[in-house]
Amino acid sequence: MLMTAGLTSTDVKAGGIMLHNLQKRYGRATAVDSVSLSISPGEFISLLGPSGSGKTTTLMMIAGFEMPDSGQVLLDDKDITRLPPHRRQLGVIFQNYALFPHMTVAENIAYPLRM
């Protein structure tokens, strides 16, 4: 996959993200239907919508934790759609935090970095 795309981990850096006609279905339900958007480097955006509108699924596809049924995720004009999450150098922070209550804030942040 990585070799076919011609990408290495040094090629993938923080930059512009483009979604082109992303689509994701779960059975008969369409979670994301032809989403296209462009995010410039350094731009801050928010995805707003009701529960079940596809916000989390879209973020999961950008991060690589979900594969789209169709469409592309581009980072600096490079197709990273099939690149595994650990090669994307992107992440997602969820609204419902999965924190360890016995750890400090710093320990919670450092834990996944150590793993």
PDB file of N, CA and C in Angstrom:
ATOM      1  N   MET A   1       0.820  -1.192   0.000  1.00  0.00           N
ATOM      2  CA  MET A   1       0.000   0.000   0.000  1.00  0.00           C
ATOM      3  C   MET A   1       0.865   1.256   0.000  1.00  0.00           C
ATOM      4  N   LEU A   2       1.758   1.368   0.974  1.00  0.00           N
ATOM      5  CA  LEU A   2       2.618   2.530   1.092  1.00  0.00           C
ATOM      6  C   LEU A   2       3.536   2.641  -0.112  1.00  0.00           C
ATOM      7  N   MET A   3       4.107   1.507  -0.537  1.00  0.00           N
ATOM      8  CA  MET A   3       5.013   1.504  -1.678  1.00  0.00           C
ATOM      9  C   MET A   3       4.263   1.905  -2.956  1.00  0.00           C
ATOM     10  N   THR A   4       3.054   1.383  -3.129  1.00  0.00           N
ATOM     11  CA  THR A   4       2.260   1.686  -4.312  1.00  0.00           C
ATOM     12  C   THR A   4       1.952   3.175  -4.395  1.00  0.00           C
ATOM     13  N   ALA A   5       1.643   3.760  -3.252  1.00  0.00           N
ATOM     14  CA  ALA A   5       1.310   5.185  -3.236  1.00  0.00           C
ATOM     15  C   ALA A   5       2.549   6.049  -3.400  1.00  0.00           C
ATOM     16  N   GLY A   6       3.732   5.466  -3.216  1.00  0.00           N
ATOM     17  CA  GLY A   6       4.965   6.235  -3.331  1.00  0.00           C
ATOM     18  C   GLY A   6       5.192   7.166  -2.165  1.00  0.00           C
ATOM     19  N   LEU A   7       4.600   6.877  -1.023  1.00  0.00           N
ATOM     20  CA  LEU A   7       4.725   7.738   0.142  1.00  0.00           C
ATOM     21  C   LEU A   7       5.570   7.075   1.207  1.00  0.00           C
ATOM     22  N   THR A   8       6.322   7.868   1.913  1.00  0.00           N
ATOM     23  CA  THR A   8       7.016   7.409   3.108  1.00  0.00           C
ATOM     24  C   THR A   8       6.569   8.290   4.251  1.00  0.00           C
ATOM     25  N   SER A   9       6.933   7.918   5.482  1.00  0.00           N
ATOM     26  CA  SER A   9       6.504   8.723   6.632  1.00  0.00           C
ATOM     27  C   SER A   9       7.100  10.127   6.586  1.00  0.00           C
ATOM     28  N   THR A  10       8.232  10.314   5.895  1.00  0.00           N
ATOM     29  CA  THR A  10       8.807  11.655   5.783  1.00  0.00           C
ATOM     30  C   THR A  10       8.047  12.511   4.782  1.00  0.00           C
ATOM     31  N   ASP A  11       7.285  11.878   3.875  1.00  0.00           N
ATOM     32  CA  ASP A  11       6.486  12.624   2.906  1.00  0.00           C
ATOM     33  C   ASP A  11       5.245  13.226   3.533  1.00  0.00           C
ATOM     34  N   VAL A  12       4.721  12.589   4.558  1.00  0.00           N
ATOM     35  CA  VAL A  12       3.449  13.004   5.137  1.00  0.00           C
ATOM     36  C   VAL A  12       3.711  13.964   6.292  1.00  0.00           C
ATOM     37  N   LYS A  13       3.387  15.225   6.072  1.00  0.00           N
ATOM     38  CA  LYS A  13       3.596  16.264   7.082  1.00  0.00           C
ATOM     39  C   LYS A  13       2.300  17.055   7.216  1.00  0.00           C
ATOM     40  N   ALA A  14       2.204  17.827   8.305  1.00  0.00           N
ATOM     41  CA  ALA A  14       1.013  18.655   8.496  1.00  0.00           C
ATOM     42  C   ALA A  14       0.876  19.618   7.326  1.00  0.00           C
ATOM     43  N   GLY A  15      -0.279  19.645   6.742  1.00  0.00           N
ATOM     44  CA  GLY A  15      -0.515  20.536   5.614  1.00  0.00           C
ATOM     45  C   GLY A  15      -1.973  20.593   5.288  1.00  0.00           C
ATOM     46  N   GLY A  16      -2.272  20.994   4.078  1.00  0.00           N
ATOM     47  CA  GLY A  16      -3.647  21.108   3.642  1.00  0.00           C
ATOM     48  C   GLY A  16      -4.304  19.745   3.490  1.00  0.00           C
ATOM     49  N   ILE A  17      -5.562  19.673   3.877  1.00  0.00           N
ATOM     50  CA  ILE A  17      -6.333  18.438   3.764  1.00  0.00           C
ATOM     51  C   ILE A  17      -7.482  18.695   2.806  1.00  0.00           C
ATOM     52  N   MET A  18      -7.672  17.771   1.884  1.00  0.00           N
ATOM     53  CA  MET A  18      -8.796  17.861   0.960  1.00  0.00           C
ATOM     54  C   MET A  18      -9.559  16.549   0.992  1.00  0.00           C
ATOM     55  N   LEU A  19     -10.852  16.650   1.141  1.00  0.00           N
ATOM     56  CA  LEU A  19     -11.734  15.490   1.056  1.00  0.00           C
ATOM     57  C   LEU A  19     -12.474  15.602  -0.257  1.00  0.00           C
ATOM     58  N   HIS A  20     -12.457  14.508  -1.017  1.00  0.00           N
ATOM     59  CA  HIS A  20     -13.092  14.532  -2.328  1.00  0.00           C
ATOM     60  C   HIS A  20     -14.127  13.413  -2.420  1.00  0.00           C
ATOM     61  N   ASN A  21     -15.406  13.789  -2.359  1.00  0.00           N
ATOM     62  CA  ASN A  21     -16.532  12.856  -2.499  1.00  0.00           C
ATOM     63  C   ASN A  21     -16.455  11.660  -1.558  1.00  0.00           C
ATOM     64  N   LEU A  22     -16.096  11.893  -0.292  1.00  0.00           N
ATOM     65  CA  LEU A  22     -16.032  10.803   0.682  1.00  0.00           C
ATOM     66  C   LEU A  22     -17.407  10.226   0.934  1.00  0.00           C
ATOM     67  N   GLN A  23     -17.460   8.911   0.966  1.00  0.00           N
ATOM     68  CA  GLN A  23     -18.720   8.231   1.239  1.00  0.00           C
ATOM     69  C   GLN A  23     -18.446   7.033   2.129  1.00  0.00           C
ATOM     70  N   LYS A  24     -19.305   6.832   3.126  1.00  0.00           N
ATOM     71  CA  LYS A  24     -19.190   5.694   4.031  1.00  0.00           C
ATOM     72  C   LYS A  24     -20.583   5.193   4.364  1.00  0.00           C
ATOM     73  N   ARG A  25     -20.749   3.880   4.213  1.00  0.00           N
ATOM     74  CA  ARG A  25     -22.019   3.224   4.543  1.00  0.00           C
ATOM     75  C   ARG A  25     -21.770   2.156   5.594  1.00  0.00           C
ATOM     76  N   TYR A  26     -22.748   1.969   6.436  1.00  0.00           N
ATOM     77  CA  TYR A  26     -22.774   0.859   7.382  1.00  0.00           C
ATOM     78  C   TYR A  26     -24.042   0.080   7.076  1.00  0.00           C
ATOM     79  N   GLY A  27     -23.896  -0.990   6.335  1.00  0.00           N
ATOM     80  CA  GLY A  27     -25.069  -1.726   5.885  1.00  0.00           C
ATOM     81  C   GLY A  27     -25.866  -0.860   4.935  1.00  0.00           C
ATOM     82  N   ARG A  28     -27.150  -0.686   5.229  1.00  0.00           N
ATOM     83  CA  ARG A  28     -28.027   0.144   4.389  1.00  0.00           C
ATOM     84  C   ARG A  28     -27.937   1.628   4.742  1.00  0.00           C
ATOM     85  N   ALA A  29     -27.377   1.936   5.903  1.00  0.00           N
ATOM     86  CA  ALA A  29     -27.319   3.328   6.371  1.00  0.00           C
ATOM     87  C   ALA A  29     -26.107   4.048   5.783  1.00  0.00           C
ATOM     88  N   THR A  30     -26.344   5.213   5.210  1.00  0.00           N
ATOM     89  CA  THR A  30     -25.262   6.054   4.705  1.00  0.00           C
ATOM     90  C   THR A  30     -24.870   7.023   5.808  1.00  0.00           C
ATOM     91  N   ALA A  31     -23.650   6.877   6.309  1.00  0.00           N
ATOM     92  CA  ALA A  31     -23.164   7.748   7.382  1.00  0.00           C
ATOM     93  C   ALA A  31     -22.584   9.045   6.821  1.00  0.00           C
ATOM     94  N   VAL A  32     -21.880   8.939   5.704  1.00  0.00           N
ATOM     95  CA  VAL A  32     -21.268  10.097   5.048  1.00  0.00           C
ATOM     96  C   VAL A  32     -21.586   9.977   3.564  1.00  0.00           C
ATOM     97  N   ASP A  33     -22.161  11.029   3.002  1.00  0.00           N
ATOM     98  CA  ASP A  33     -22.627  10.970   1.622  1.00  0.00           C
ATOM     99  C   ASP A  33     -21.975  12.058   0.777  1.00  0.00           C
ATOM    100  N   SER A  34     -20.925  11.692   0.054  1.00  0.00           N
ATOM    101  CA  SER A  34     -20.253  12.577  -0.912  1.00  0.00           C
ATOM    102  C   SER A  34     -19.781  13.894  -0.285  1.00  0.00           C
ATOM    103  N   VAL A  35     -19.033  13.805   0.810  1.00  0.00           N
ATOM    104  CA  VAL A  35     -18.496  14.999   1.471  1.00  0.00           C
ATOM    105  C   VAL A  35     -17.220  15.438   0.764  1.00  0.00           C
ATOM    106  N   SER A  36     -17.188  16.697   0.376  1.00  0.00           N
ATOM    107  CA  SER A  36     -15.997  17.304  -0.217  1.00  0.00           C
ATOM    108  C   SER A  36     -15.727  18.602   0.512  1.00  0.00           C
ATOM    109  N   LEU A  37     -14.483  18.802   0.924  1.00  0.00           N
ATOM    110  CA  LEU A  37     -14.089  20.069   1.534  1.00  0.00           C
ATOM    111  C   LEU A  37     -12.586  20.216   1.469  1.00  0.00           C
ATOM    112  N   SER A  38     -12.143  21.430   1.626  1.00  0.00           N
ATOM    113  CA  SER A  38     -10.719  21.742   1.598  1.00  0.00           C
ATOM    114  C   SER A  38     -10.365  22.512   2.862  1.00  0.00           C
ATOM    115  N   ILE A  39      -9.309  22.067   3.541  1.00  0.00           N
ATOM    116  CA  ILE A  39      -8.842  22.713   4.761  1.00  0.00           C
ATOM    117  C   ILE A  39      -7.411  23.165   4.509  1.00  0.00           C
ATOM    118  N   SER A  40      -7.175  24.462   4.565  1.00  0.00           N
ATOM    119  CA  SER A  40      -5.842  25.008   4.317  1.00  0.00           C
ATOM    120  C   SER A  40      -4.922  24.750   5.498  1.00  0.00           C
ATOM    121  N   PRO A  41      -3.598  24.680   5.271  1.00  0.00           N
ATOM    122  CA  PRO A  41      -2.662  24.503   6.379  1.00  0.00           C
ATOM    123  C   PRO A  41      -2.865  25.591   7.428  1.00  0.00           C
ATOM    124  N   GLY A  42      -2.964  25.210   8.682  1.00  0.00           N
ATOM    125  CA  GLY A  42      -3.143  26.146   9.783  1.00  0.00           C
ATOM    126  C   GLY A  42      -4.569  26.614   9.995  1.00  0.00           C
ATOM    127  N   GLU A  43      -5.477  26.242   9.114  1.00  0.00           N
ATOM    128  CA  GLU A  43      -6.868  26.653   9.244  1.00  0.00           C
ATOM    129  C   GLU A  43      -7.553  25.831  10.331  1.00  0.00           C
ATOM    130  N   PHE A  44      -8.387  26.480  11.118  1.00  0.00           N
ATOM    131  CA  PHE A  44      -9.156  25.823  12.179  1.00  0.00           C
ATOM    132  C   PHE A  44     -10.584  25.722  11.710  1.00  0.00           C
ATOM    133  N   ILE A  45     -11.125  24.497  11.716  1.00  0.00           N
ATOM    134  CA  ILE A  45     -12.515  24.326  11.300  1.00  0.00           C
ATOM    135  C   ILE A  45     -13.277  23.545  12.361  1.00  0.00           C
ATOM    136  N   SER A  46     -14.578  23.601  12.283  1.00  0.00           N
ATOM    137  CA  SER A  46     -15.460  22.817  13.151  1.00  0.00           C
ATOM    138  C   SER A  46     -16.483  22.123  12.272  1.00  0.00           C
ATOM    139  N   LEU A  47     -16.774  20.893  12.625  1.00  0.00           N
ATOM    140  CA  LEU A  47     -17.856  20.166  11.962  1.00  0.00           C
ATOM    141  C   LEU A  47     -19.053  20.205  12.892  1.00  0.00           C
ATOM    142  N   LEU A  48     -20.140  20.777  12.424  1.00  0.00           N
ATOM    143  CA  LEU A  48     -21.339  20.924  13.237  1.00  0.00           C
ATOM    144  C   LEU A  48     -22.493  20.168  12.597  1.00  0.00           C
ATOM    145  N   GLY A  49     -23.291  19.545  13.415  1.00  0.00           N
ATOM    146  CA  GLY A  49     -24.462  18.859  12.909  1.00  0.00           C
ATOM    147  C   GLY A  49     -25.073  18.006  13.991  1.00  0.00           C
ATOM    148  N   PRO A  50     -26.269  17.530  13.742  1.00  0.00           N
ATOM    149  CA  PRO A  50     -26.944  16.705  14.738  1.00  0.00           C
ATOM    150  C   PRO A  50     -26.282  15.347  14.894  1.00  0.00           C
ATOM    151  N   SER A  51     -26.629  14.668  15.959  1.00  0.00           N
ATOM    152  CA  SER A  51     -26.139  13.315  16.196  1.00  0.00           C
ATOM    153  C   SER A  51     -26.492  12.436  14.996  1.00  0.00           C
ATOM    154  N   GLY A  52     -25.517  11.667  14.540  1.00  0.00           N
ATOM    155  CA  GLY A  52     -25.746  10.765  13.417  1.00  0.00           C
ATOM    156  C   GLY A  52     -25.556  11.395  12.051  1.00  0.00           C
ATOM    157  N   SER A  53     -25.048  12.627  12.007  1.00  0.00           N
ATOM    158  CA  SER A  53     -24.897  13.305  10.709  1.00  0.00           C
ATOM    159  C   SER A  53     -23.581  12.990  10.007  1.00  0.00           C
ATOM    160  N   GLY A  54     -22.684  12.219  10.650  1.00  0.00           N
ATOM    161  CA  GLY A  54     -21.449  11.803   9.992  1.00  0.00           C
ATOM    162  C   GLY A  54     -20.191  12.556  10.388  1.00  0.00           C
ATOM    163  N   LYS A  55     -20.277  13.402  11.410  1.00  0.00           N
ATOM    164  CA  LYS A  55     -19.112  14.182  11.832  1.00  0.00           C
ATOM    165  C   LYS A  55     -17.967  13.283  12.286  1.00  0.00           C
ATOM    166  N   THR A  56     -18.253  12.391  13.213  1.00  0.00           N
ATOM    167  CA  THR A  56     -17.216  11.502  13.749  1.00  0.00           C
ATOM    168  C   THR A  56     -16.700  10.565  12.673  1.00  0.00           C
ATOM    169  N   THR A  57     -17.573  10.039  11.847  1.00  0.00           N
ATOM    170  CA  THR A  57     -17.146   9.140  10.778  1.00  0.00           C
ATOM    171  C   THR A  57     -16.214   9.865   9.816  1.00  0.00           C
ATOM    172  N   THR A  58     -16.512  11.113   9.497  1.00  0.00           N
ATOM    173  CA  THR A  58     -15.639  11.902   8.623  1.00  0.00           C
ATOM    174  C   THR A  58     -14.260  12.080   9.254  1.00  0.00           C
ATOM    175  N   LEU A  59     -14.226  12.435  10.539  1.00  0.00           N
ATOM    176  CA  LEU A  59     -12.934  12.591  11.229  1.00  0.00           C
ATOM    177  C   LEU A  59     -12.174  11.267  11.289  1.00  0.00           C
ATOM    178  N   MET A  60     -12.897  10.179  11.507  1.00  0.00           N
ATOM    179  CA  MET A  60     -12.252   8.864  11.557  1.00  0.00           C
ATOM    180  C   MET A  60     -11.658   8.484  10.198  1.00  0.00           C
ATOM    181  N   MET A  61     -12.295   8.891   9.119  1.00  0.00           N
ATOM    182  CA  MET A  61     -11.740   8.614   7.791  1.00  0.00           C
ATOM    183  C   MET A  61     -10.518   9.483   7.518  1.00  0.00           C
ATOM    184  N   ILE A  62     -10.537  10.732   7.976  1.00  0.00           N
ATOM    185  CA  ILE A  62      -9.365  11.596   7.813  1.00  0.00           C
ATOM    186  C   ILE A  62      -8.179  11.004   8.568  1.00  0.00           C
ATOM    187  N   ALA A  63      -8.411  10.534   9.788  1.00  0.00           N
ATOM    188  CA  ALA A  63      -7.334   9.969  10.612  1.00  0.00           C
ATOM    189  C   ALA A  63      -6.928   8.565  10.162  1.00  0.00           C
ATOM    190  N   GLY A  64      -7.774   7.897   9.378  1.00  0.00           N
ATOM    191  CA  GLY A  64      -7.438   6.565   8.883  1.00  0.00           C
ATOM    192  C   GLY A  64      -7.983   5.417   9.700  1.00  0.00           C
ATOM    193  N   PHE A  65      -8.828   5.711  10.685  1.00  0.00           N
ATOM    194  CA  PHE A  65      -9.404   4.654  11.516  1.00  0.00           C
ATOM    195  C   PHE A  65     -10.614   3.999  10.858  1.00  0.00           C
ATOM    196  N   GLU A  66     -11.184   4.664   9.871  1.00  0.00           N
ATOM    197  CA  GLU A  66     -12.259   4.116   9.045  1.00  0.00           C
ATOM    198  C   GLU A  66     -11.838   4.303   7.595  1.00  0.00           C
ATOM    199  N   MET A  67     -12.135   3.335   6.749  1.00  0.00           N
ATOM    200  CA  MET A  67     -11.862   3.444   5.319  1.00  0.00           C
ATOM    201  C   MET A  67     -13.138   3.862   4.607  1.00  0.00           C
ATOM    202  N   PRO A  68     -13.048   4.868   3.747  1.00  0.00           N
ATOM    203  CA  PRO A  68     -14.238   5.258   2.997  1.00  0.00           C
ATOM    204  C   PRO A  68     -14.610   4.176   1.986  1.00  0.00           C
ATOM    205  N   ASP A  69     -15.891   4.094   1.680  1.00  0.00           N
ATOM    206  CA  ASP A  69     -16.340   3.195   0.620  1.00  0.00           C
ATOM    207  C   ASP A  69     -15.974   3.761  -0.742  1.00  0.00           C
ATOM    208  N   SER A  70     -15.927   5.072  -0.830  1.00  0.00           N
ATOM    209  CA  SER A  70     -15.470   5.735  -2.045  1.00  0.00           C
ATOM    210  C   SER A  70     -14.990   7.129  -1.673  1.00  0.00           C
ATOM    211  N   GLY A  71     -14.271   7.756  -2.587  1.00  0.00           N
ATOM    212  CA  GLY A  71     -13.730   9.092  -2.368  1.00  0.00           C
ATOM    213  C   GLY A  71     -12.275   9.045  -1.951  1.00  0.00           C
ATOM    214  N   GLN A  72     -11.715  10.223  -1.722  1.00  0.00           N
ATOM    215  CA  GLN A  72     -10.297  10.349  -1.396  1.00  0.00           C
ATOM    216  C   GLN A  72     -10.070  11.306  -0.232  1.00  0.00           C
ATOM    217  N   VAL A  73      -8.993  11.022   0.518  1.00  0.00           N
ATOM    218  CA  VAL A  73      -8.467  11.924   1.527  1.00  0.00           C
ATOM    219  C   VAL A  73      -7.081  12.322   1.036  1.00  0.00           C
ATOM    220  N   LEU A  74      -6.872  13.610   0.833  1.00  0.00           N
ATOM    221  CA  LEU A  74      -5.588  14.102   0.348  1.00  0.00           C
ATOM    222  C   LEU A  74      -4.936  14.967   1.415  1.00  0.00           C
ATOM    223  N   LEU A  75      -3.635  14.786   1.598  1.00  0.00           N
ATOM    224  CA  LEU A  75      -2.838  15.617   2.499  1.00  0.00           C
ATOM    225  C   LEU A  75      -1.709  16.189   1.672  1.00  0.00           C
ATOM    226  N   ASP A  76      -1.650  17.511   1.565  1.00  0.00           N
ATOM    227  CA  ASP A  76      -0.674  18.173   0.696  1.00  0.00           C
ATOM    228  C   ASP A  76      -0.710  17.587  -0.713  1.00  0.00           C
ATOM    229  N   ASP A  77      -1.917  17.396  -1.220  1.00  0.00           N
ATOM    230  CA  ASP A  77      -2.160  16.870  -2.568  1.00  0.00           C
ATOM    231  C   ASP A  77      -1.689  15.437  -2.780  1.00  0.00           C
ATOM    232  N   LYS A  78      -1.362  14.718  -1.715  1.00  0.00           N
ATOM    233  CA  LYS A  78      -0.987  13.305  -1.808  1.00  0.00           C
ATOM    234  C   LYS A  78      -2.148  12.471  -1.288  1.00  0.00           C
ATOM    235  N   ASP A  79      -2.494  11.443  -2.030  1.00  0.00           N
ATOM    236  CA  ASP A  79      -3.603  10.575  -1.645  1.00  0.00           C
ATOM    237  C   ASP A  79      -3.175   9.699  -0.471  1.00  0.00           C
ATOM    238  N   ILE A  80      -3.798   9.908   0.685  1.00  0.00           N
ATOM    239  CA  ILE A  80      -3.496   9.111   1.881  1.00  0.00           C
ATOM    240  C   ILE A  80      -4.682   8.226   2.264  1.00  0.00           C
ATOM    241  N   THR A  81      -5.632   8.077   1.349  1.00  0.00           N
ATOM    242  CA  THR A  81      -6.875   7.356   1.640  1.00  0.00           C
ATOM    243  C   THR A  81      -6.609   5.965   2.192  1.00  0.00           C
ATOM    244  N   ARG A  82      -5.659   5.252   1.649  1.00  0.00           N
ATOM    245  CA  ARG A  82      -5.375   3.865   2.065  1.00  0.00           C
ATOM    246  C   ARG A  82      -4.130   3.767   2.951  1.00  0.00           C
ATOM    247  N   LEU A  83      -3.550   4.899   3.315  1.00  0.00           N
ATOM    248  CA  LEU A  83      -2.384   4.915   4.190  1.00  0.00           C
ATOM    249  C   LEU A  83      -2.822   4.584   5.615  1.00  0.00           C
ATOM    250  N   PRO A  84      -2.127   3.681   6.324  1.00  0.00           N
ATOM    251  CA  PRO A  84      -2.550   3.345   7.685  1.00  0.00           C
ATOM    252  C   PRO A  84      -2.438   4.544   8.623  1.00  0.00           C
ATOM    253  N   PRO A  85      -3.246   4.559   9.690  1.00  0.00           N
ATOM    254  CA  PRO A  85      -3.280   5.711  10.599  1.00  0.00           C
ATOM    255  C   PRO A  85      -1.904   6.112  11.140  1.00  0.00           C
ATOM    256  N   HIS A  86      -1.078   5.139  11.487  1.00  0.00           N
ATOM    257  CA  HIS A  86       0.212   5.480  12.100  1.00  0.00           C
ATOM    258  C   HIS A  86       1.181   6.137  11.117  1.00  0.00           C
ATOM    259  N   ARG A  87       0.879   6.133   9.844  1.00  0.00           N
ATOM    260  CA  ARG A  87       1.725   6.788   8.839  1.00  0.00           C
ATOM    261  C   ARG A  87       1.214   8.168   8.444  1.00  0.00           C
ATOM    262  N   ARG A  88       0.055   8.563   8.939  1.00  0.00           N
ATOM    263  CA  ARG A  88      -0.549   9.830   8.530  1.00  0.00           C
ATOM    264  C   ARG A  88      -0.087  11.020   9.355  1.00  0.00           C
ATOM    265  N   GLN A  89       0.362  10.807  10.557  1.00  0.00           N
ATOM    266  CA  GLN A  89       0.752  11.876  11.480  1.00  0.00           C
ATOM    267  C   GLN A  89      -0.412  12.843  11.710  1.00  0.00           C
ATOM    268  N   LEU A  90      -1.606  12.262  11.834  1.00  0.00           N
ATOM    269  CA  LEU A  90      -2.820  13.009  12.133  1.00  0.00           C
ATOM    270  C   LEU A  90      -3.471  12.360  13.345  1.00  0.00           C
ATOM    271  N   GLY A  91      -4.374  13.057  13.975  1.00  0.00           N
ATOM    272  CA  GLY A  91      -5.061  12.479  15.120  1.00  0.00           C
ATOM    273  C   GLY A  91      -6.439  13.069  15.293  1.00  0.00           C
ATOM    274  N   VAL A  92      -7.182  12.463  16.186  1.00  0.00           N
ATOM    275  CA  VAL A  92      -8.536  12.901  16.501  1.00  0.00           C
ATOM    276  C   VAL A  92      -8.658  12.984  18.019  1.00  0.00           C
ATOM    277  N   ILE A  93      -9.257  14.047  18.498  1.00  0.00           N
ATOM    278  CA  ILE A  93      -9.569  14.170  19.922  1.00  0.00           C
ATOM    279  C   ILE A  93     -11.089  14.149  20.028  1.00  0.00           C
ATOM    280  N   PHE A  94     -11.604  13.205  20.793  1.00  0.00           N
ATOM    281  CA  PHE A  94     -13.040  13.013  20.861  1.00  0.00           C
ATOM    282  C   PHE A  94     -13.666  13.852  21.957  1.00  0.00           C
ATOM    283  N   GLN A  95     -14.952  14.121  21.784  1.00  0.00           N
ATOM    284  CA  GLN A  95     -15.703  14.903  22.750  1.00  0.00           C
ATOM    285  C   GLN A  95     -15.808  14.170  24.086  1.00  0.00           C
ATOM    286  N   ASN A  96     -16.011  12.863  24.056  1.00  0.00           N
ATOM    287  CA  ASN A  96     -16.053  12.058  25.282  1.00  0.00           C
ATOM    288  C   ASN A  96     -14.662  11.498  25.521  1.00  0.00           C
ATOM    289  N   TYR A  97     -13.968  12.105  26.422  1.00  0.00           N
ATOM    290  CA  TYR A  97     -12.578  11.744  26.662  1.00  0.00           C
ATOM    291  C   TYR A  97     -12.475  10.378  27.326  1.00  0.00           C
ATOM    292  N   ALA A  98     -11.486   9.616  26.912  1.00  0.00           N
ATOM    293  CA  ALA A  98     -11.201   8.321  27.533  1.00  0.00           C
ATOM    294  C   ALA A  98      -9.970   8.520  28.425  1.00  0.00           C
ATOM    295  N   LEU A  99     -10.176   9.155  29.550  1.00  0.00           N
ATOM    296  CA  LEU A  99      -9.079   9.467  30.458  1.00  0.00           C
ATOM    297  C   LEU A  99      -8.981   8.425  31.567  1.00  0.00           C
ATOM    298  N   PHE A 100      -7.769   8.234  32.038  1.00  0.00           N
ATOM    299  CA  PHE A 100      -7.548   7.385  33.199  1.00  0.00           C
ATOM    300  C   PHE A 100      -7.672   8.268  34.436  1.00  0.00           C
ATOM    301  N   PRO A 101      -8.669   8.024  35.290  1.00  0.00           N
ATOM    302  CA  PRO A 101      -8.899   8.917  36.425  1.00  0.00           C
ATOM    303  C   PRO A 101      -7.778   8.894  37.460  1.00  0.00           C
ATOM    304  N   HIS A 102      -6.970   7.840  37.489  1.00  0.00           N
ATOM    305  CA  HIS A 102      -5.890   7.751  38.462  1.00  0.00           C
ATOM    306  C   HIS A 102      -4.614   8.451  37.992  1.00  0.00           C
ATOM    307  N   MET A 103      -4.642   9.034  36.761  1.00  0.00           N
ATOM    308  CA  MET A 103      -3.468   9.714  36.216  1.00  0.00           C
ATOM    309  C   MET A 103      -3.702  11.217  36.155  1.00  0.00           C
ATOM    310  N   THR A 104      -2.607  11.963  36.189  1.00  0.00           N
ATOM    311  CA  THR A 104      -2.695  13.412  36.010  1.00  0.00           C
ATOM    312  C   THR A 104      -2.949  13.707  34.531  1.00  0.00           C
ATOM    313  N   VAL A 105      -3.208  14.979  34.216  1.00  0.00           N
ATOM    314  CA  VAL A 105      -3.403  15.382  32.823  1.00  0.00           C
ATOM    315  C   VAL A 105      -2.160  15.037  32.007  1.00  0.00           C
ATOM    316  N   ALA A 106      -0.996  15.384  32.511  1.00  0.00           N
ATOM    317  CA  ALA A 106       0.257  15.111  31.799  1.00  0.00           C
ATOM    318  C   ALA A 106       0.459  13.610  31.578  1.00  0.00           C
ATOM    319  N   GLU A 107       0.137  12.802  32.580  1.00  0.00           N
ATOM    320  CA  GLU A 107       0.280  11.351  32.443  1.00  0.00           C
ATOM    321  C   GLU A 107      -0.700  10.786  31.409  1.00  0.00           C
ATOM    322  N   ASN A 108      -1.925  11.325  31.367  1.00  0.00           N
ATOM    323  CA  ASN A 108      -2.898  10.895  30.369  1.00  0.00           C
ATOM    324  C   ASN A 108      -2.431  11.229  28.954  1.00  0.00           C
ATOM    325  N   ILE A 109      -1.847  12.396  28.773  1.00  0.00           N
ATOM    326  CA  ILE A 109      -1.339  12.787  27.453  1.00  0.00           C
ATOM    327  C   ILE A 109      -0.125  11.952  27.072  1.00  0.00           C
ATOM    328  N   ALA A 110       0.763  11.700  28.017  1.00  0.00           N
ATOM    329  CA  ALA A 110       2.002  10.975  27.728  1.00  0.00           C
ATOM    330  C   ALA A 110       1.767   9.492  27.497  1.00  0.00           C
ATOM    331  N   TYR A 111       0.741   8.923  28.082  1.00  0.00           N
ATOM    332  CA  TYR A 111       0.526   7.462  28.005  1.00  0.00           C
ATOM    333  C   TYR A 111       0.477   6.935  26.560  1.00  0.00           C
ATOM    334  N   PRO A 112      -0.390   7.472  25.685  1.00  0.00           N
ATOM    335  CA  PRO A 112      -0.404   6.918  24.330  1.00  0.00           C
ATOM    336  C   PRO A 112       0.873   7.187  23.554  1.00  0.00           C
ATOM    337  N   LEU A 113       1.572   8.256  23.889  1.00  0.00           N
ATOM    338  CA  LEU A 113       2.837   8.548  23.212  1.00  0.00           C
ATOM    339  C   LEU A 113       3.903   7.510  23.577  1.00  0.00           C
ATOM    340  N   ARG A 114       3.865   7.043  24.816  1.00  0.00           N
ATOM    341  CA  ARG A 114       4.811   5.998  25.232  1.00  0.00           C
ATOM    342  C   ARG A 114       4.467   4.645  24.604  1.00  0.00           C
ATOM    343  N   MET A 115       3.174   4.407  24.415  1.00  0.00           N
ATOM    344  CA  MET A 115       2.753   3.117  23.850  1.00  0.00           C
ATOM    345  C   MET A 115       3.107   3.039  22.390  1.00  0.00           C
TER     346      MET A 115
END
